[in-house]
Every structure is written in structure tokens, then in C-alpha cells.
Amino acid sequence: MRPTRSLALLTLLPLLAQAADVTGTWTATFDTAVGKQEYTYELKAEGTQLTGRAKSANGDVAIESGTIAGDKISFVEKLSFQGNQLTITYNGTMIGANEIQFKREIAGFGVEELVAKRAN
């Protein structure tokens, strides 16, 4: 019985370790407490690491602490808004090859949901 379980686990490991293909340009438009936001995310995946930029009317910043685990994506955007430094934490799930469903927490002030779509 043990060899069967080991074989099944070995078969599943490559699927579990595969990171989502998020490299590329993504766009999102969504409503927030301060009005409509339009974002462009330039993402680059290298293994389980995620780097890139978050661009909006509020600035163009490098994303930090980016990770990918299967279809789960997370990163941090630090930006200046009306003279205040804000840390925005993103947690997302790939929905197919061309959409990411995100929840973003804005410096402990609230959570917003958005869908980013592949632009390229």
C-alpha cells in the first residue's frame, strides 16, 4: 500500500510545484473608497519569485516581496498618497491564463477586490 501512495505523490509533485505563468502586462480598473483606480501591473516570474512594477495615477513603484505558489500570487506595493506612505498587500489567484482575482489590503484601512486581465 505504501508504494502506491508514494507513486501518487511523486506524480502530483510536479503539478504542485508549477508556478502560474504571470509574466507580462496586466491591467485593472476598479472602484475604491477614493474613487475609480486604473492600474497597470508589469509582472515577471522567476521560479517562485515575482518582481515587477505597479503603475497608477498615484505613481510607478517596484513591487516588493513577490511570491508565486501554484496559482496563488502575492506582493506588496508601497506608494505615496496625499503625502502619506501606504503599504498595499495583494493576494491573488489565477483564474485561467488571462485573469487574476486579487484582494488588496490598504495599510489596515480596508480590503478591496479586483480582477486584473492580461494585456499582452
C-alpha atoms as a PDB file:
ATOM      1  CA  MET A   1       0.000   0.000   0.000  1.00  0.00           C
ATOM      2  CA  ARG A   2       2.842   2.418   0.785  1.00  0.00           C
ATOM      3  CA  PRO A   3       4.399   2.168  -2.734  1.00  0.00           C
ATOM      4  CA  THR A   4       1.068   3.188  -4.288  1.00  0.00           C
ATOM      5  CA  ARG A   5       0.856   6.322  -2.138  1.00  0.00           C
ATOM      6  CA  SER A   6       4.486   7.203  -2.871  1.00  0.00           C
ATOM      7  CA  LEU A   7       3.924   6.818  -6.602  1.00  0.00           C
ATOM      8  CA  ALA A   8       0.805   9.003  -6.454  1.00  0.00           C
ATOM      9  CA  LEU A   9       2.695  11.680  -4.523  1.00  0.00           C
ATOM     10  CA  LEU A  10       5.584  11.628  -6.991  1.00  0.00           C
ATOM     11  CA  THR A  11       3.119  12.056  -9.837  1.00  0.00           C
ATOM     12  CA  LEU A  12       1.478  15.088  -8.190  1.00  0.00           C
ATOM     13  CA  LEU A  13       4.624  16.910  -7.029  1.00  0.00           C
ATOM     14  CA  PRO A  14       5.478  18.499 -10.404  1.00  0.00           C
ATOM     15  CA  LEU A  15       1.920  19.822 -10.698  1.00  0.00           C
ATOM     16  CA  LEU A  16       2.005  21.306  -7.199  1.00  0.00           C
ATOM     17  CA  ALA A  17       5.399  22.920  -7.725  1.00  0.00           C
ATOM     18  CA  GLN A  18       4.499  24.536 -11.051  1.00  0.00           C
ATOM     19  CA  ALA A  19       4.146  28.272 -10.687  1.00  0.00           C
ATOM     20  CA  ALA A  20       1.481  30.224 -12.520  1.00  0.00           C
ATOM     21  CA  ASP A  21       2.591  31.968 -15.720  1.00  0.00           C
ATOM     22  CA  VAL A  22       2.106  35.586 -14.655  1.00  0.00           C
ATOM     23  CA  THR A  23       4.931  37.201 -16.612  1.00  0.00           C
ATOM     24  CA  GLY A  24       3.540  40.054 -18.698  1.00  0.00           C
ATOM     25  CA  THR A  25       1.426  43.175 -18.535  1.00  0.00           C
ATOM     26  CA  TRP A  26      -1.879  43.155 -16.628  1.00  0.00           C
ATOM     27  CA  THR A  27      -4.500  45.910 -16.347  1.00  0.00           C
ATOM     28  CA  ALA A  28      -7.271  46.534 -13.857  1.00  0.00           C
ATOM     29  CA  THR A  29      -9.918  49.201 -13.312  1.00  0.00           C
ATOM     30  CA  PHE A  30     -11.812  49.109 -10.024  1.00  0.00           C
ATOM     31  CA  ASP A  31     -13.746  51.271  -7.570  1.00  0.00           C
ATOM     32  CA  THR A  32     -12.176  52.229  -4.241  1.00  0.00           C
ATOM     33  CA  ALA A  33     -13.004  54.434  -1.278  1.00  0.00           C
ATOM     34  CA  VAL A  34     -11.143  57.275  -3.037  1.00  0.00           C
ATOM     35  CA  GLY A  35     -12.718  56.727  -6.454  1.00  0.00           C
ATOM     36  CA  LYS A  36     -12.018  54.719  -9.583  1.00  0.00           C
ATOM     37  CA  GLN A  37      -8.460  53.382  -9.894  1.00  0.00           C
ATOM     38  CA  GLU A  38      -6.752  52.290 -13.093  1.00  0.00           C
ATOM     39  CA  TYR A  39      -3.643  50.149 -12.723  1.00  0.00           C
ATOM     40  CA  THR A  40      -1.091  48.519 -14.972  1.00  0.00           C
ATOM     41  CA  TYR A  41       0.988  45.747 -13.441  1.00  0.00           C
ATOM     42  CA  GLU A  42       4.225  44.694 -15.153  1.00  0.00           C
ATOM     43  CA  LEU A  43       4.981  41.271 -13.659  1.00  0.00           C
ATOM     44  CA  LYS A  44       7.953  38.955 -14.083  1.00  0.00           C
ATOM     45  CA  ALA A  45       8.069  35.463 -12.626  1.00  0.00           C
ATOM     46  CA  GLU A  46      11.343  33.676 -11.920  1.00  0.00           C
ATOM     47  CA  GLY A  47      10.544  30.361 -10.280  1.00  0.00           C
ATOM     48  CA  THR A  48       8.545  31.193  -7.169  1.00  0.00           C
ATOM     49  CA  GLN A  49       9.773  34.807  -7.061  1.00  0.00           C
ATOM     50  CA  LEU A  50       7.732  37.661  -8.503  1.00  0.00           C
ATOM     51  CA  THR A  51       9.115  41.088  -9.413  1.00  0.00           C
ATOM     52  CA  GLY A  52       7.740  43.982 -11.412  1.00  0.00           C
ATOM     53  CA  ARG A  53       6.029  47.352 -11.185  1.00  0.00           C
ATOM     54  CA  ALA A  54       2.616  48.699 -10.193  1.00  0.00           C
ATOM     55  CA  LYS A  55       1.630  51.811 -12.157  1.00  0.00           C
ATOM     56  CA  SER A  56      -1.317  54.103 -11.448  1.00  0.00           C
ATOM     57  CA  ALA A  57      -2.196  57.790 -11.271  1.00  0.00           C
ATOM     58  CA  ASN A  58      -0.595  57.664  -7.807  1.00  0.00           C
ATOM     59  CA  GLY A  59       2.813  56.589  -9.088  1.00  0.00           C
ATOM     60  CA  ASP A  60       5.018  53.932 -10.602  1.00  0.00           C
ATOM     61  CA  VAL A  61       6.589  51.707  -7.941  1.00  0.00           C
ATOM     62  CA  ALA A  62       8.519  48.464  -7.801  1.00  0.00           C
ATOM     63  CA  ILE A  63       6.567  45.632  -6.243  1.00  0.00           C
ATOM     64  CA  GLU A  64       8.169  44.003  -3.226  1.00  0.00           C
ATOM     65  CA  SER A  65       8.041  40.612  -1.502  1.00  0.00           C
ATOM     66  CA  GLY A  66       6.501  38.974  -4.573  1.00  0.00           C
ATOM     67  CA  THR A  67       5.861  35.230  -4.460  1.00  0.00           C
ATOM     68  CA  ILE A  68       4.095  32.597  -6.534  1.00  0.00           C
ATOM     69  CA  ALA A  69       2.886  29.257  -5.191  1.00  0.00           C
ATOM     70  CA  GLY A  70       0.919  27.281  -7.752  1.00  0.00           C
ATOM     71  CA  ASP A  71      -1.953  29.560  -8.769  1.00  0.00           C
ATOM     72  CA  LYS A  72      -1.511  31.858  -5.724  1.00  0.00           C
ATOM     73  CA  ILE A  73       0.222  35.217  -6.135  1.00  0.00           C
ATOM     74  CA  SER A  74       1.182  37.821  -3.546  1.00  0.00           C
ATOM     75  CA  PHE A  75       3.164  41.052  -3.475  1.00  0.00           C
ATOM     76  CA  VAL A  76       3.406  44.432  -1.761  1.00  0.00           C
ATOM     77  CA  GLU A  77       3.024  47.890  -3.300  1.00  0.00           C
ATOM     78  CA  LYS A  78       4.383  50.831  -1.306  1.00  0.00           C
ATOM     79  CA  LEU A  79       3.211  54.200  -2.556  1.00  0.00           C
ATOM     80  CA  SER A  80       2.762  57.765  -1.507  1.00  0.00           C
ATOM     81  CA  PHE A  81      -0.834  59.042  -1.431  1.00  0.00           C
ATOM     82  CA  GLN A  82      -1.568  62.635  -0.448  1.00  0.00           C
ATOM     83  CA  GLY A  83       1.773  62.829   1.361  1.00  0.00           C
ATOM     84  CA  ASN A  84       1.279  59.578   3.260  1.00  0.00           C
ATOM     85  CA  GLN A  85       3.213  56.360   2.713  1.00  0.00           C
ATOM     86  CA  LEU A  86       0.856  53.424   2.193  1.00  0.00           C
ATOM     87  CA  THR A  87       1.607  49.721   2.109  1.00  0.00           C
ATOM     88  CA  ILE A  88      -0.826  47.751  -0.040  1.00  0.00           C
ATOM     89  CA  THR A  89      -0.685  43.965   0.220  1.00  0.00           C
ATOM     90  CA  TYR A  90      -2.021  41.932  -2.708  1.00  0.00           C
ATOM     91  CA  ASN A  91      -3.132  38.295  -2.536  1.00  0.00           C
ATOM     92  CA  GLY A  92      -4.431  36.789  -5.743  1.00  0.00           C
ATOM     93  CA  THR A  93      -5.467  33.635  -7.513  1.00  0.00           C
ATOM     94  CA  MET A  94      -5.019  32.929 -11.210  1.00  0.00           C
ATOM     95  CA  ILE A  95      -8.410  32.422 -12.850  1.00  0.00           C
ATOM     96  CA  GLY A  96      -7.456  30.795 -16.122  1.00  0.00           C
ATOM     97  CA  ALA A  97      -4.470  32.028 -18.120  1.00  0.00           C
ATOM     98  CA  ASN A  98      -5.624  35.636 -18.532  1.00  0.00           C
ATOM     99  CA  GLU A  99      -7.165  36.786 -15.226  1.00  0.00           C
ATOM    100  CA  ILE A 100      -6.005  37.230 -11.659  1.00  0.00           C
ATOM    101  CA  GLN A 101      -8.591  37.706  -8.897  1.00  0.00           C
ATOM    102  CA  PHE A 102      -6.948  39.958  -6.269  1.00  0.00           C
ATOM    103  CA  LYS A 103      -7.796  41.093  -2.775  1.00  0.00           C
ATOM    104  CA  ARG A 104      -5.703  44.037  -1.675  1.00  0.00           C
ATOM    105  CA  GLU A 105      -5.407  45.316   1.871  1.00  0.00           C
ATOM    106  CA  ILE A 106      -4.636  49.004   2.149  1.00  0.00           C
ATOM    107  CA  ALA A 107      -2.474  49.717   5.201  1.00  0.00           C
ATOM    108  CA  GLY A 108      -5.026  48.136   7.534  1.00  0.00           C
ATOM    109  CA  PHE A 109      -7.792  50.511   6.329  1.00  0.00           C
ATOM    110  CA  GLY A 110      -9.777  48.003   4.338  1.00  0.00           C
ATOM    111  CA  VAL A 111      -9.840  45.328   1.683  1.00  0.00           C
ATOM    112  CA  GLU A 112     -10.678  45.842  -1.987  1.00  0.00           C
ATOM    113  CA  GLU A 113     -11.281  43.215  -4.637  1.00  0.00           C
ATOM    114  CA  LEU A 114     -10.295  43.498  -8.280  1.00  0.00           C
ATOM    115  CA  VAL A 115      -9.655  41.448 -11.388  1.00  0.00           C
ATOM    116  CA  ALA A 116      -6.501  42.071 -13.411  1.00  0.00           C
ATOM    117  CA  LYS A 117      -6.579  40.993 -17.049  1.00  0.00           C
ATOM    118  CA  ARG A 118      -3.627  40.093 -19.236  1.00  0.00           C
ATOM    119  CA  ALA A 119      -2.939  42.929 -21.684  1.00  0.00           C
ATOM    120  CA  ASN A 120      -0.486  41.105 -23.935  1.00  0.00           C
END
